[in-house]
Amino acid sequence: MSFVRLLIHFMLVLLASGLPVDIRSPEASEKSAGSKPKLSQLFEARISLGAFSSPIPIPGGQRIVAKVEGGTLKGTLSGTISSGISVIDLFDNGQAIMSSIRSIGTTTDGLPFLVEETGVGSPADNYGRMMVSIGGNLARLANQFVIADAELSSDRKSVATTGYVLQDR
């Protein structure tokens, strides 16, 4: 995925979140025109999924649920995913989805962690925000904005996710 597409999806997620967005004056925009957000890759994950449930009707579409059966994280945050749950809402137009994955596991240092990802997109491209709960030298992640780029495999048996940390300017 290109950096520009990732930023566009990030802004859509932010706007859809209902959080206040600072619309700056032209003067403030000119001052920060050369300043761009910087992303740093935090990890790459491969998550194995169990069989999906039968579709559950929801307003405007259907929800499918699968157990997270395991996985791995490689990068600054490395470890083993032991379990979790994946929920995908597919809307009737077939073009838009909302997804969430909650995974628990243990880092290579033996610390427990919880990663919660909520995303939006299409069946082919899904971007979202991750919240990371962990202790030790990575406890700072609880206060950082982590962007997720997730892709469900064509056989629906795994999810590949890359997590990026939004760096200070």
N, C-alpha and C. Protein backbone atom coordinates (compact mmCIF):
# COMPACT_ATOMS: atom_id res chain seq x y z
N MET A 1 0.82 -1.17 0.00
CA MET A 1 0.00 0.00 0.00
C MET A 1 0.88 1.25 0.00
N SER A 2 0.47 2.23 -0.74
CA SER A 2 1.25 3.45 -0.78
C SER A 2 1.01 4.27 0.49
N PHE A 3 1.98 5.08 0.82
CA PHE A 3 1.90 5.93 2.00
C PHE A 3 0.72 6.89 1.89
N VAL A 4 0.47 7.43 0.71
CA VAL A 4 -0.63 8.37 0.52
C VAL A 4 -1.97 7.68 0.76
N ARG A 5 -2.14 6.46 0.23
CA ARG A 5 -3.40 5.74 0.45
C ARG A 5 -3.59 5.43 1.92
N LEU A 6 -2.51 5.07 2.60
CA LEU A 6 -2.58 4.78 4.02
C LEU A 6 -3.01 6.02 4.79
N LEU A 7 -2.47 7.19 4.44
CA LEU A 7 -2.85 8.43 5.12
C LEU A 7 -4.30 8.81 4.83
N ILE A 8 -4.75 8.60 3.60
CA ILE A 8 -6.14 8.91 3.26
C ILE A 8 -7.08 8.03 4.09
N HIS A 9 -6.79 6.74 4.16
CA HIS A 9 -7.63 5.85 4.97
C HIS A 9 -7.54 6.22 6.45
N PHE A 10 -6.36 6.62 6.92
CA PHE A 10 -6.19 7.06 8.30
C PHE A 10 -7.11 8.24 8.58
N MET A 11 -7.15 9.22 7.68
CA MET A 11 -8.00 10.38 7.88
C MET A 11 -9.48 10.00 7.87
N LEU A 12 -9.86 9.08 7.00
CA LEU A 12 -11.26 8.62 6.98
C LEU A 12 -11.63 7.95 8.28
N VAL A 13 -10.71 7.12 8.83
CA VAL A 13 -10.96 6.46 10.11
C VAL A 13 -11.09 7.51 11.20
N LEU A 14 -10.22 8.51 11.20
CA LEU A 14 -10.26 9.56 12.20
C LEU A 14 -11.56 10.34 12.12
N LEU A 15 -11.97 10.72 10.92
CA LEU A 15 -13.22 11.47 10.76
C LEU A 15 -14.42 10.62 11.16
N ALA A 16 -14.41 9.34 10.83
CA ALA A 16 -15.53 8.45 11.18
C ALA A 16 -15.59 8.17 12.67
N SER A 17 -14.49 8.39 13.39
CA SER A 17 -14.44 8.09 14.82
C SER A 17 -15.27 9.05 15.64
N GLY A 18 -15.59 10.23 15.10
CA GLY A 18 -16.34 11.22 15.85
C GLY A 18 -15.48 12.07 16.76
N LEU A 19 -14.16 11.84 16.76
CA LEU A 19 -13.26 12.66 17.56
C LEU A 19 -13.16 14.05 16.96
N PRO A 20 -12.96 15.07 17.79
CA PRO A 20 -12.81 16.42 17.22
C PRO A 20 -11.57 16.50 16.35
N VAL A 21 -11.71 17.12 15.20
CA VAL A 21 -10.60 17.29 14.28
C VAL A 21 -10.29 18.78 14.19
N ASP A 22 -9.02 19.13 14.36
CA ASP A 22 -8.58 20.52 14.36
C ASP A 22 -8.46 21.02 12.92
N ILE A 23 -9.37 21.87 12.51
CA ILE A 23 -9.29 22.48 11.19
C ILE A 23 -8.57 23.80 11.39
N ARG A 24 -7.33 23.88 10.94
CA ARG A 24 -6.48 25.03 11.21
C ARG A 24 -6.73 26.16 10.22
N SER A 25 -6.38 27.34 10.66
CA SER A 25 -6.48 28.52 9.80
C SER A 25 -5.46 28.40 8.68
N PRO A 26 -5.65 29.14 7.57
CA PRO A 26 -4.67 29.10 6.48
C PRO A 26 -3.26 29.45 6.96
N GLU A 27 -3.16 30.39 7.93
CA GLU A 27 -1.83 30.77 8.43
C GLU A 27 -1.16 29.58 9.11
N ALA A 28 -1.91 28.85 9.93
CA ALA A 28 -1.33 27.69 10.62
C ALA A 28 -0.97 26.60 9.63
N SER A 29 -1.80 26.44 8.59
CA SER A 29 -1.50 25.43 7.57
C SER A 29 -0.22 25.75 6.83
N GLU A 30 0.00 27.04 6.54
CA GLU A 30 1.22 27.44 5.84
C GLU A 30 2.45 27.13 6.68
N LYS A 31 2.35 27.34 7.99
CA LYS A 31 3.48 27.10 8.89
C LYS A 31 3.86 25.63 8.91
N SER A 32 2.86 24.74 8.81
CA SER A 32 3.14 23.32 8.91
C SER A 32 3.13 22.62 7.56
N ALA A 33 3.14 23.38 6.46
CA ALA A 33 3.04 22.78 5.13
C ALA A 33 4.16 21.78 4.85
N GLY A 34 5.37 22.03 5.36
CA GLY A 34 6.49 21.12 5.12
C GLY A 34 6.54 19.97 6.10
N SER A 35 5.66 19.94 7.08
CA SER A 35 5.67 18.91 8.11
C SER A 35 4.68 17.81 7.76
N LYS A 36 5.18 16.59 7.60
CA LYS A 36 4.33 15.46 7.26
C LYS A 36 4.40 14.43 8.38
N PRO A 37 3.31 13.69 8.60
CA PRO A 37 3.36 12.64 9.61
C PRO A 37 4.42 11.60 9.23
N LYS A 38 5.06 11.06 10.24
CA LYS A 38 6.07 10.03 10.02
C LYS A 38 5.60 8.73 10.64
N LEU A 39 5.71 7.66 9.88
CA LEU A 39 5.32 6.34 10.37
C LEU A 39 6.56 5.47 10.54
N SER A 40 6.54 4.67 11.58
CA SER A 40 7.62 3.73 11.82
C SER A 40 6.98 2.35 12.00
N GLN A 41 7.46 1.35 11.27
CA GLN A 41 6.87 0.02 11.36
C GLN A 41 7.14 -0.57 12.74
N LEU A 42 6.08 -1.02 13.39
CA LEU A 42 6.16 -1.60 14.72
C LEU A 42 6.28 -3.13 14.65
N PHE A 43 5.46 -3.74 13.78
CA PHE A 43 5.52 -5.20 13.64
C PHE A 43 4.79 -5.65 12.38
N GLU A 44 5.04 -6.88 12.01
CA GLU A 44 4.26 -7.61 11.01
C GLU A 44 3.66 -8.79 11.74
N ALA A 45 2.39 -9.03 11.51
CA ALA A 45 1.70 -10.13 12.19
C ALA A 45 1.05 -11.06 11.17
N ARG A 46 1.03 -12.31 11.51
CA ARG A 46 0.28 -13.33 10.76
C ARG A 46 -0.62 -13.99 11.78
N ILE A 47 -1.93 -13.87 11.57
CA ILE A 47 -2.92 -14.36 12.51
C ILE A 47 -3.70 -15.49 11.86
N SER A 48 -3.75 -16.65 12.52
CA SER A 48 -4.51 -17.80 12.02
C SER A 48 -5.93 -17.76 12.58
N LEU A 49 -6.91 -17.97 11.69
CA LEU A 49 -8.31 -17.92 12.09
C LEU A 49 -8.95 -19.29 12.00
N GLY A 50 -9.91 -19.55 12.89
CA GLY A 50 -10.73 -20.74 12.80
C GLY A 50 -11.84 -20.51 11.78
N ALA A 51 -12.76 -21.45 11.70
CA ALA A 51 -13.88 -21.34 10.77
C ALA A 51 -14.77 -20.16 11.17
N PHE A 52 -15.30 -19.45 10.16
CA PHE A 52 -16.20 -18.34 10.42
C PHE A 52 -17.59 -18.86 10.76
N SER A 53 -18.29 -18.12 11.60
CA SER A 53 -19.65 -18.45 11.96
C SER A 53 -20.56 -18.28 10.75
N SER A 54 -21.76 -18.79 10.87
CA SER A 54 -22.78 -18.47 9.88
C SER A 54 -23.05 -16.98 9.99
N PRO A 55 -23.45 -16.34 8.88
CA PRO A 55 -23.71 -14.89 8.94
C PRO A 55 -24.79 -14.54 9.96
N ILE A 56 -24.54 -13.47 10.70
CA ILE A 56 -25.48 -12.96 11.68
C ILE A 56 -26.05 -11.66 11.10
N PRO A 57 -27.37 -11.56 10.91
CA PRO A 57 -27.94 -10.34 10.34
C PRO A 57 -27.70 -9.13 11.26
N ILE A 58 -27.29 -8.02 10.66
CA ILE A 58 -27.16 -6.74 11.35
C ILE A 58 -27.78 -5.69 10.44
N PRO A 59 -28.13 -4.52 10.95
CA PRO A 59 -28.69 -3.48 10.08
C PRO A 59 -27.74 -3.15 8.92
N GLY A 60 -28.22 -3.33 7.69
CA GLY A 60 -27.43 -2.99 6.51
C GLY A 60 -26.47 -4.06 6.04
N GLY A 61 -26.50 -5.23 6.65
CA GLY A 61 -25.57 -6.26 6.19
C GLY A 61 -25.54 -7.49 7.08
N GLN A 62 -24.34 -8.05 7.23
CA GLN A 62 -24.19 -9.25 8.03
C GLN A 62 -22.85 -9.24 8.76
N ARG A 63 -22.80 -9.96 9.86
CA ARG A 63 -21.59 -10.07 10.69
C ARG A 63 -21.15 -11.52 10.69
N ILE A 64 -19.83 -11.72 10.54
CA ILE A 64 -19.27 -13.06 10.68
C ILE A 64 -18.17 -12.99 11.73
N VAL A 65 -18.05 -14.07 12.49
CA VAL A 65 -17.13 -14.12 13.62
C VAL A 65 -16.27 -15.36 13.50
N ALA A 66 -14.98 -15.23 13.86
CA ALA A 66 -14.07 -16.37 13.87
C ALA A 66 -13.16 -16.28 15.08
N LYS A 67 -12.78 -17.41 15.60
CA LYS A 67 -11.82 -17.46 16.70
C LYS A 67 -10.42 -17.25 16.15
N VAL A 68 -9.61 -16.45 16.86
CA VAL A 68 -8.19 -16.35 16.53
C VAL A 68 -7.52 -17.56 17.18
N GLU A 69 -6.90 -18.38 16.36
CA GLU A 69 -6.32 -19.63 16.86
C GLU A 69 -4.84 -19.51 17.19
N GLY A 70 -4.22 -18.42 16.79
CA GLY A 70 -2.80 -18.24 17.08
C GLY A 70 -2.18 -17.31 16.07
N GLY A 71 -0.87 -17.11 16.22
CA GLY A 71 -0.17 -16.27 15.27
C GLY A 71 1.16 -15.81 15.81
N THR A 72 1.81 -14.95 15.02
CA THR A 72 3.12 -14.42 15.40
C THR A 72 3.19 -12.93 15.12
N LEU A 73 3.98 -12.24 15.92
CA LEU A 73 4.32 -10.84 15.71
C LEU A 73 5.83 -10.78 15.55
N LYS A 74 6.30 -10.07 14.52
CA LYS A 74 7.74 -9.91 14.31
C LYS A 74 8.04 -8.44 14.10
N GLY A 75 9.04 -7.93 14.82
CA GLY A 75 9.43 -6.54 14.71
C GLY A 75 9.81 -6.00 16.07
N THR A 76 9.60 -4.69 16.27
CA THR A 76 9.87 -4.08 17.58
C THR A 76 9.05 -4.78 18.64
N LEU A 77 7.80 -5.09 18.32
CA LEU A 77 6.95 -5.91 19.18
C LEU A 77 6.95 -7.30 18.56
N SER A 78 7.57 -8.25 19.25
CA SER A 78 7.65 -9.63 18.76
C SER A 78 7.07 -10.56 19.80
N GLY A 79 6.40 -11.61 19.33
CA GLY A 79 5.84 -12.57 20.25
C GLY A 79 4.92 -13.54 19.57
N THR A 80 4.18 -14.26 20.40
CA THR A 80 3.26 -15.29 19.93
C THR A 80 1.84 -14.93 20.35
N ILE A 81 0.93 -14.98 19.40
CA ILE A 81 -0.50 -14.76 19.68
C ILE A 81 -1.09 -16.10 20.06
N SER A 82 -1.77 -16.14 21.22
CA SER A 82 -2.32 -17.42 21.67
C SER A 82 -3.81 -17.57 21.36
N SER A 83 -4.57 -16.48 21.39
CA SER A 83 -6.00 -16.59 21.09
C SER A 83 -6.59 -15.21 20.87
N GLY A 84 -7.87 -15.20 20.57
CA GLY A 84 -8.58 -13.94 20.36
C GLY A 84 -9.84 -14.16 19.55
N ILE A 85 -10.37 -13.07 19.01
CA ILE A 85 -11.60 -13.13 18.21
C ILE A 85 -11.52 -12.12 17.07
N SER A 86 -12.08 -12.49 15.94
CA SER A 86 -12.16 -11.62 14.77
C SER A 86 -13.63 -11.44 14.40
N VAL A 87 -14.02 -10.19 14.19
CA VAL A 87 -15.41 -9.87 13.82
C VAL A 87 -15.36 -9.03 12.55
N ILE A 88 -16.10 -9.44 11.53
CA ILE A 88 -16.15 -8.69 10.28
C ILE A 88 -17.61 -8.38 9.95
N ASP A 89 -17.90 -7.10 9.76
CA ASP A 89 -19.23 -6.66 9.32
C ASP A 89 -19.14 -6.34 7.84
N LEU A 90 -19.88 -7.07 7.03
CA LEU A 90 -19.92 -6.87 5.58
C LEU A 90 -21.26 -6.24 5.24
N PHE A 91 -21.21 -5.07 4.62
CA PHE A 91 -22.44 -4.36 4.33
C PHE A 91 -23.02 -4.79 2.99
N ASP A 92 -24.32 -4.58 2.83
CA ASP A 92 -25.06 -5.09 1.68
C ASP A 92 -24.48 -4.69 0.33
N ASN A 93 -23.80 -3.55 0.26
CA ASN A 93 -23.24 -3.15 -1.03
C ASN A 93 -22.03 -3.99 -1.41
N GLY A 94 -21.54 -4.81 -0.47
CA GLY A 94 -20.41 -5.70 -0.76
C GLY A 94 -19.09 -4.99 -0.92
N GLN A 95 -19.07 -3.68 -0.78
CA GLN A 95 -17.86 -2.90 -0.99
C GLN A 95 -17.24 -2.37 0.30
N ALA A 96 -18.01 -2.34 1.38
CA ALA A 96 -17.51 -1.75 2.62
C ALA A 96 -17.57 -2.77 3.76
N ILE A 97 -16.51 -2.77 4.56
CA ILE A 97 -16.51 -3.63 5.73
C ILE A 97 -15.97 -2.84 6.92
N MET A 98 -16.35 -3.29 8.09
CA MET A 98 -15.75 -2.85 9.34
C MET A 98 -15.24 -4.12 10.00
N SER A 99 -14.05 -4.05 10.57
CA SER A 99 -13.50 -5.24 11.19
C SER A 99 -12.91 -4.93 12.54
N SER A 100 -12.85 -5.95 13.37
CA SER A 100 -12.13 -5.81 14.64
C SER A 100 -11.51 -7.16 14.96
N ILE A 101 -10.31 -7.08 15.52
CA ILE A 101 -9.60 -8.28 15.97
C ILE A 101 -9.04 -7.97 17.34
N ARG A 102 -9.28 -8.84 18.28
CA ARG A 102 -8.67 -8.74 19.61
C ARG A 102 -7.82 -9.99 19.79
N SER A 103 -6.54 -9.76 20.02
CA SER A 103 -5.59 -10.86 20.16
C SER A 103 -4.80 -10.72 21.45
N ILE A 104 -4.62 -11.85 22.14
CA ILE A 104 -3.76 -11.86 23.33
C ILE A 104 -2.61 -12.80 23.09
N GLY A 105 -1.51 -12.53 23.77
CA GLY A 105 -0.35 -13.38 23.60
C GLY A 105 0.75 -13.01 24.56
N THR A 106 1.95 -13.46 24.22
CA THR A 106 3.13 -13.25 25.06
C THR A 106 4.28 -12.79 24.18
N THR A 107 5.00 -11.76 24.63
CA THR A 107 6.15 -11.28 23.88
C THR A 107 7.29 -12.29 24.00
N THR A 108 8.31 -12.08 23.18
CA THR A 108 9.49 -12.96 23.27
C THR A 108 10.20 -12.79 24.61
N ASP A 109 9.93 -11.68 25.32
CA ASP A 109 10.49 -11.44 26.66
C ASP A 109 9.62 -12.03 27.77
N GLY A 110 8.48 -12.63 27.39
CA GLY A 110 7.61 -13.25 28.38
C GLY A 110 6.53 -12.35 28.96
N LEU A 111 6.33 -11.16 28.38
CA LEU A 111 5.29 -10.25 28.87
C LEU A 111 3.97 -10.52 28.16
N PRO A 112 2.86 -10.51 28.90
CA PRO A 112 1.55 -10.66 28.25
C PRO A 112 1.19 -9.37 27.51
N PHE A 113 0.43 -9.51 26.42
CA PHE A 113 -0.04 -8.33 25.68
C PHE A 113 -1.44 -8.56 25.16
N LEU A 114 -2.12 -7.45 24.88
CA LEU A 114 -3.43 -7.44 24.23
C LEU A 114 -3.34 -6.42 23.10
N VAL A 115 -3.70 -6.83 21.89
CA VAL A 115 -3.75 -5.92 20.75
C VAL A 115 -5.19 -5.90 20.25
N GLU A 116 -5.78 -4.69 20.18
CA GLU A 116 -7.15 -4.52 19.70
C GLU A 116 -7.11 -3.65 18.45
N GLU A 117 -7.57 -4.21 17.34
CA GLU A 117 -7.57 -3.48 16.06
C GLU A 117 -9.00 -3.28 15.60
N THR A 118 -9.32 -2.06 15.21
CA THR A 118 -10.62 -1.75 14.62
C THR A 118 -10.36 -1.05 13.30
N GLY A 119 -10.94 -1.57 12.22
CA GLY A 119 -10.65 -1.01 10.91
C GLY A 119 -11.86 -0.83 10.04
N VAL A 120 -11.65 -0.12 8.94
CA VAL A 120 -12.66 0.09 7.91
C VAL A 120 -11.99 -0.09 6.56
N GLY A 121 -12.79 -0.34 5.56
CA GLY A 121 -12.23 -0.46 4.22
C GLY A 121 -13.11 -1.31 3.34
N SER A 122 -12.45 -1.97 2.40
CA SER A 122 -13.13 -2.88 1.48
C SER A 122 -12.64 -4.29 1.79
N PRO A 123 -13.25 -5.30 1.17
CA PRO A 123 -12.74 -6.65 1.40
C PRO A 123 -11.26 -6.80 1.02
N ALA A 124 -10.76 -5.98 0.10
CA ALA A 124 -9.36 -6.10 -0.33
C ALA A 124 -8.40 -5.27 0.53
N ASP A 125 -8.82 -4.10 0.97
CA ASP A 125 -7.95 -3.20 1.74
C ASP A 125 -8.67 -2.78 3.01
N ASN A 126 -7.99 -2.93 4.15
CA ASN A 126 -8.58 -2.56 5.41
C ASN A 126 -7.54 -1.85 6.25
N TYR A 127 -7.87 -0.66 6.72
CA TYR A 127 -6.96 0.13 7.54
C TYR A 127 -7.66 0.48 8.84
N GLY A 128 -6.89 0.57 9.90
CA GLY A 128 -7.52 0.88 11.17
C GLY A 128 -6.54 1.36 12.22
N ARG A 129 -7.05 1.40 13.43
CA ARG A 129 -6.27 1.81 14.58
C ARG A 129 -6.10 0.63 15.51
N MET A 130 -4.91 0.51 16.06
CA MET A 130 -4.64 -0.53 17.05
C MET A 130 -4.41 0.12 18.40
N MET A 131 -4.88 -0.56 19.43
CA MET A 131 -4.58 -0.18 20.80
C MET A 131 -3.79 -1.34 21.38
N VAL A 132 -2.61 -1.03 21.91
CA VAL A 132 -1.70 -2.06 22.41
C VAL A 132 -1.58 -1.91 23.92
N SER A 133 -1.90 -2.98 24.64
CA SER A 133 -1.74 -3.00 26.10
C SER A 133 -0.60 -3.95 26.42
N ILE A 134 0.46 -3.41 27.02
CA ILE A 134 1.65 -4.21 27.31
C ILE A 134 2.46 -3.48 28.39
N GLY A 135 3.28 -4.18 29.08
CA GLY A 135 4.14 -3.57 30.10
C GLY A 135 5.57 -3.48 29.61
N GLY A 136 6.48 -3.34 30.54
CA GLY A 136 7.91 -3.31 30.23
C GLY A 136 8.30 -2.10 29.41
N ASN A 137 9.35 -2.26 28.60
CA ASN A 137 9.86 -1.13 27.82
C ASN A 137 8.95 -0.72 26.67
N LEU A 138 7.88 -1.48 26.41
CA LEU A 138 6.93 -1.11 25.35
C LEU A 138 5.62 -0.55 25.91
N ALA A 139 5.57 -0.28 27.22
CA ALA A 139 4.36 0.27 27.84
C ALA A 139 3.93 1.58 27.19
N ARG A 140 4.89 2.32 26.61
CA ARG A 140 4.59 3.59 25.94
C ARG A 140 3.61 3.42 24.79
N LEU A 141 3.49 2.21 24.25
CA LEU A 141 2.59 1.98 23.11
C LEU A 141 1.13 2.25 23.47
N ALA A 142 0.80 2.15 24.75
CA ALA A 142 -0.58 2.42 25.18
C ALA A 142 -0.98 3.85 24.90
N ASN A 143 -0.01 4.76 24.78
CA ASN A 143 -0.29 6.17 24.54
C ASN A 143 0.06 6.63 23.14
N GLN A 144 0.36 5.71 22.26
CA GLN A 144 0.73 6.09 20.89
C GLN A 144 -0.36 5.66 19.92
N PHE A 145 -0.41 6.38 18.80
CA PHE A 145 -1.37 6.06 17.75
C PHE A 145 -0.73 5.02 16.83
N VAL A 146 -1.31 3.82 16.82
CA VAL A 146 -0.78 2.73 16.00
C VAL A 146 -1.77 2.49 14.86
N ILE A 147 -1.28 2.57 13.63
CA ILE A 147 -2.10 2.37 12.43
C ILE A 147 -1.93 0.94 11.96
N ALA A 148 -3.03 0.32 11.55
CA ALA A 148 -3.00 -1.06 11.07
C ALA A 148 -3.33 -1.11 9.59
N ASP A 149 -2.59 -1.94 8.87
CA ASP A 149 -2.86 -2.25 7.47
C ASP A 149 -3.09 -3.76 7.44
N ALA A 150 -4.36 -4.16 7.31
CA ALA A 150 -4.72 -5.58 7.44
C ALA A 150 -5.29 -6.13 6.14
N GLU A 151 -5.01 -7.40 5.90
CA GLU A 151 -5.53 -8.07 4.71
C GLU A 151 -5.94 -9.50 5.07
N LEU A 152 -7.20 -9.82 4.81
CA LEU A 152 -7.72 -11.16 5.01
C LEU A 152 -7.32 -12.01 3.81
N SER A 153 -6.79 -13.21 4.07
CA SER A 153 -6.38 -14.08 2.96
C SER A 153 -7.60 -14.51 2.15
N SER A 154 -7.38 -14.89 0.91
CA SER A 154 -8.49 -15.27 0.02
C SER A 154 -9.22 -16.50 0.53
N ASP A 155 -8.54 -17.38 1.27
CA ASP A 155 -9.21 -18.56 1.82
C ASP A 155 -9.84 -18.29 3.19
N ARG A 156 -9.71 -17.03 3.68
CA ARG A 156 -10.29 -16.58 4.94
C ARG A 156 -9.77 -17.36 6.15
N LYS A 157 -8.55 -17.89 6.04
CA LYS A 157 -7.98 -18.65 7.15
C LYS A 157 -6.90 -17.89 7.91
N SER A 158 -6.52 -16.71 7.40
CA SER A 158 -5.50 -15.93 8.09
C SER A 158 -5.63 -14.45 7.75
N VAL A 159 -5.03 -13.63 8.60
CA VAL A 159 -4.97 -12.19 8.40
C VAL A 159 -3.51 -11.78 8.50
N ALA A 160 -3.05 -11.01 7.53
CA ALA A 160 -1.72 -10.41 7.58
C ALA A 160 -1.90 -8.96 7.96
N THR A 161 -1.22 -8.52 9.00
CA THR A 161 -1.35 -7.15 9.49
C THR A 161 0.02 -6.54 9.71
N THR A 162 0.16 -5.30 9.32
CA THR A 162 1.37 -4.54 9.63
C THR A 162 0.94 -3.38 10.51
N GLY A 163 1.64 -3.19 11.62
CA GLY A 163 1.35 -2.09 12.54
C GLY A 163 2.41 -1.01 12.40
N TYR A 164 1.96 0.24 12.31
CA TYR A 164 2.85 1.39 12.19
C TYR A 164 2.57 2.35 13.34
N VAL A 165 3.62 2.91 13.92
CA VAL A 165 3.48 3.90 14.98
C VAL A 165 3.58 5.28 14.35
N LEU A 166 2.65 6.16 14.68
CA LEU A 166 2.69 7.54 14.24
C LEU A 166 3.70 8.27 15.13
N GLN A 167 4.78 8.74 14.54
CA GLN A 167 5.87 9.38 15.28
C GLN A 167 5.58 10.85 15.49
N ASP A 168 6.21 11.42 16.53
CA ASP A 168 6.14 12.87 16.74
C ASP A 168 6.87 13.55 15.60
N ARG A 169 6.42 14.77 15.25
CA ARG A 169 7.04 15.50 14.15
C ARG A 169 8.33 16.13 14.59
